[in-house]
Amino acid sequence: MGERRYINAEKKVEILREILDNRMSISDAAEKYGVHPNMITKWKKQLFEGALGTFSRTSDKKQKHLGDRIDRLEHTLQKRDRLIAELASENIDLKKNLDGDD
């Protein structure tokens, strides 16, 4: 059985560019680069699915909306963390006072 090897993004783009620009068949490219044809087909599918987001006007709006939402959630978590720390500190102080009064 063949060894698995990592193919970086630059190499994947190089292979896909050769297929698309030079009209090379996937099977020829797979043989040339020692990659299974199914992998090249998968990369090609990923390329075109990603291209939709690149050319979509709504993707920028969605990204900004998600960024804003993340910022709000991070702010809420920071407030919650401060409140938890404050309550924990008060709880420790109360325990100390109860233990000291006995």
C-alpha atoms as a PDB file:
ATOM      1  CA  MET A   1       0.000   0.000   0.000  1.00  0.00           C
ATOM      2  CA  GLY A   2       1.254   3.515  -0.811  1.00  0.00           C
ATOM      3  CA  GLU A   3       2.470   5.950   1.794  1.00  0.00           C
ATOM      4  CA  ARG A   4       0.413   8.990   2.643  1.00  0.00           C
ATOM      5  CA  ARG A   5       2.146  12.236   1.932  1.00  0.00           C
ATOM      6  CA  TYR A   6       1.268  15.811   2.572  1.00  0.00           C
ATOM      7  CA  ILE A   7       0.774  18.062  -0.418  1.00  0.00           C
ATOM      8  CA  ASN A   8       0.833  21.753   0.456  1.00  0.00           C
ATOM      9  CA  ALA A   9      -1.571  24.325  -0.911  1.00  0.00           C
ATOM     10  CA  GLU A  10       0.943  25.750  -3.381  1.00  0.00           C
ATOM     11  CA  LYS A  11       1.491  22.351  -4.968  1.00  0.00           C
ATOM     12  CA  LYS A  12      -2.273  21.705  -5.172  1.00  0.00           C
ATOM     13  CA  VAL A  13      -2.754  25.038  -6.942  1.00  0.00           C
ATOM     14  CA  GLU A  14       0.105  24.226  -9.304  1.00  0.00           C
ATOM     15  CA  ILE A  15      -1.487  20.887 -10.203  1.00  0.00           C
ATOM     16  CA  LEU A  16      -4.961  22.391 -10.661  1.00  0.00           C
ATOM     17  CA  ARG A  17      -3.575  25.290 -12.712  1.00  0.00           C
ATOM     18  CA  GLU A  18      -1.841  22.839 -15.038  1.00  0.00           C
ATOM     19  CA  ILE A  19      -5.082  20.914 -15.458  1.00  0.00           C
ATOM     20  CA  LEU A  20      -7.168  24.018 -16.124  1.00  0.00           C
ATOM     21  CA  ASP A  21      -4.706  26.119 -18.139  1.00  0.00           C
ATOM     22  CA  ASN A  22      -3.131  23.349 -20.187  1.00  0.00           C
ATOM     23  CA  ARG A  23      -6.272  21.242 -20.488  1.00  0.00           C
ATOM     24  CA  MET A  24      -4.429  18.301 -19.001  1.00  0.00           C
ATOM     25  CA  SER A  25      -6.598  15.372 -17.985  1.00  0.00           C
ATOM     26  CA  ILE A  26      -6.940  14.597 -14.307  1.00  0.00           C
ATOM     27  CA  SER A  27      -5.598  11.098 -14.872  1.00  0.00           C
ATOM     28  CA  ASP A  28      -2.495  12.459 -16.653  1.00  0.00           C
ATOM     29  CA  ALA A  29      -1.870  14.956 -13.861  1.00  0.00           C
ATOM     30  CA  ALA A  30      -2.393  12.253 -11.241  1.00  0.00           C
ATOM     31  CA  GLU A  31       0.183  10.063 -12.930  1.00  0.00           C
ATOM     32  CA  LYS A  32       2.643  12.936 -13.408  1.00  0.00           C
ATOM     33  CA  TYR A  33       2.462  14.080  -9.766  1.00  0.00           C
ATOM     34  CA  GLY A  34       1.906  10.689  -8.145  1.00  0.00           C
ATOM     35  CA  VAL A  35      -1.485  11.625  -6.709  1.00  0.00           C
ATOM     36  CA  HIS A  36      -4.720   9.663  -6.810  1.00  0.00           C
ATOM     37  CA  PRO A  37      -7.186  11.110  -9.354  1.00  0.00           C
ATOM     38  CA  ASN A  38      -9.913  11.249  -6.695  1.00  0.00           C
ATOM     39  CA  MET A  39      -7.785  13.656  -4.663  1.00  0.00           C
ATOM     40  CA  ILE A  40      -7.379  15.996  -7.613  1.00  0.00           C
ATOM     41  CA  THR A  41     -11.123  15.863  -8.236  1.00  0.00           C
ATOM     42  CA  LYS A  42     -11.701  16.723  -4.570  1.00  0.00           C
ATOM     43  CA  TRP A  43      -9.295  19.688  -4.747  1.00  0.00           C
ATOM     44  CA  LYS A  44     -10.991  20.921  -7.916  1.00  0.00           C
ATOM     45  CA  LYS A  45     -14.384  20.750  -6.213  1.00  0.00           C
ATOM     46  CA  GLN A  46     -13.023  22.650  -3.177  1.00  0.00           C
ATOM     47  CA  LEU A  47     -11.523  25.289  -5.473  1.00  0.00           C
ATOM     48  CA  PHE A  48     -14.813  25.992  -7.204  1.00  0.00           C
ATOM     49  CA  GLU A  49     -16.850  25.901  -3.980  1.00  0.00           C
ATOM     50  CA  GLY A  50     -14.465  28.476  -2.515  1.00  0.00           C
ATOM     51  CA  ALA A  51     -14.686  30.576  -5.664  1.00  0.00           C
ATOM     52  CA  LEU A  52     -18.380  31.136  -5.034  1.00  0.00           C
ATOM     53  CA  GLY A  53     -17.539  32.959  -1.820  1.00  0.00           C
ATOM     54  CA  THR A  54     -14.811  34.933  -3.558  1.00  0.00           C
ATOM     55  CA  PHE A  55     -17.168  36.306  -6.176  1.00  0.00           C
ATOM     56  CA  SER A  56     -20.219  36.664  -3.972  1.00  0.00           C
ATOM     57  CA  ARG A  57     -21.088  40.192  -2.862  1.00  0.00           C
ATOM     58  CA  THR A  58     -22.895  38.938   0.203  1.00  0.00           C
ATOM     59  CA  SER A  59     -19.834  37.146   1.543  1.00  0.00           C
ATOM     60  CA  ASP A  60     -18.301  40.435   2.703  1.00  0.00           C
ATOM     61  CA  LYS A  61     -21.515  41.371   4.497  1.00  0.00           C
ATOM     62  CA  LYS A  62     -21.734  37.944   6.097  1.00  0.00           C
ATOM     63  CA  GLN A  63     -18.101  38.093   7.209  1.00  0.00           C
ATOM     64  CA  LYS A  64     -18.626  41.542   8.736  1.00  0.00           C
ATOM     65  CA  HIS A  65     -21.801  40.352  10.464  1.00  0.00           C
ATOM     66  CA  LEU A  66     -19.991  37.299  11.843  1.00  0.00           C
ATOM     67  CA  GLY A  67     -17.078  39.478  12.971  1.00  0.00           C
ATOM     68  CA  ASP A  68     -19.454  41.842  14.764  1.00  0.00           C
ATOM     69  CA  ARG A  69     -21.218  38.929  16.410  1.00  0.00           C
ATOM     70  CA  ILE A  70     -17.926  37.435  17.559  1.00  0.00           C
ATOM     71  CA  ASP A  71     -16.904  40.800  19.030  1.00  0.00           C
ATOM     72  CA  ARG A  72     -20.202  41.052  20.954  1.00  0.00           C
ATOM     73  CA  LEU A  73     -19.871  37.493  22.253  1.00  0.00           C
ATOM     74  CA  GLU A  74     -16.271  38.069  23.339  1.00  0.00           C
ATOM     75  CA  HIS A  75     -17.360  41.223  25.186  1.00  0.00           C
ATOM     76  CA  THR A  76     -20.150  39.280  26.899  1.00  0.00           C
ATOM     77  CA  LEU A  77     -17.698  36.556  27.932  1.00  0.00           C
ATOM     78  CA  GLN A  78     -15.293  39.135  29.353  1.00  0.00           C
ATOM     79  CA  LYS A  79     -18.114  40.674  31.410  1.00  0.00           C
ATOM     80  CA  ARG A  80     -19.165  37.234  32.600  1.00  0.00           C
ATOM     81  CA  ASP A  81     -15.593  36.329  33.557  1.00  0.00           C
ATOM     82  CA  ARG A  82     -15.239  39.555  35.562  1.00  0.00           C
ATOM     83  CA  LEU A  83     -18.533  38.871  37.348  1.00  0.00           C
ATOM     84  CA  ILE A  84     -17.525  35.285  38.154  1.00  0.00           C
ATOM     85  CA  ALA A  85     -14.176  36.489  39.518  1.00  0.00           C
ATOM     86  CA  GLU A  86     -15.960  39.092  41.653  1.00  0.00           C
ATOM     87  CA  LEU A  87     -18.450  36.559  43.009  1.00  0.00           C
ATOM     88  CA  ALA A  88     -15.690  34.055  43.736  1.00  0.00           C
ATOM     89  CA  SER A  89     -13.754  36.715  45.626  1.00  0.00           C
ATOM     90  CA  GLU A  90     -16.832  37.658  47.654  1.00  0.00           C
ATOM     91  CA  ASN A  91     -17.473  33.986  48.372  1.00  0.00           C
ATOM     92  CA  ILE A  92     -13.919  33.530  49.665  1.00  0.00           C
ATOM     93  CA  ASP A  93     -14.252  36.627  51.872  1.00  0.00           C
ATOM     94  CA  LEU A  94     -17.548  35.359  53.306  1.00  0.00           C
ATOM     95  CA  LYS A  95     -16.025  31.950  54.063  1.00  0.00           C
ATOM     96  CA  LYS A  96     -13.088  33.593  55.802  1.00  0.00           C
ATOM     97  CA  ASN A  97     -15.433  35.720  57.937  1.00  0.00           C
ATOM     98  CA  LEU A  98     -17.567  32.717  58.866  1.00  0.00           C
ATOM     99  CA  ASP A  99     -14.525  30.670  59.800  1.00  0.00           C
ATOM    100  CA  GLY A 100     -13.066  33.551  61.813  1.00  0.00           C
ATOM    101  CA  ASP A 101     -16.266  34.105  63.886  1.00  0.00           C
ATOM    102  CA  ASP A 102     -16.394  30.527  65.238  1.00  0.00           C
END
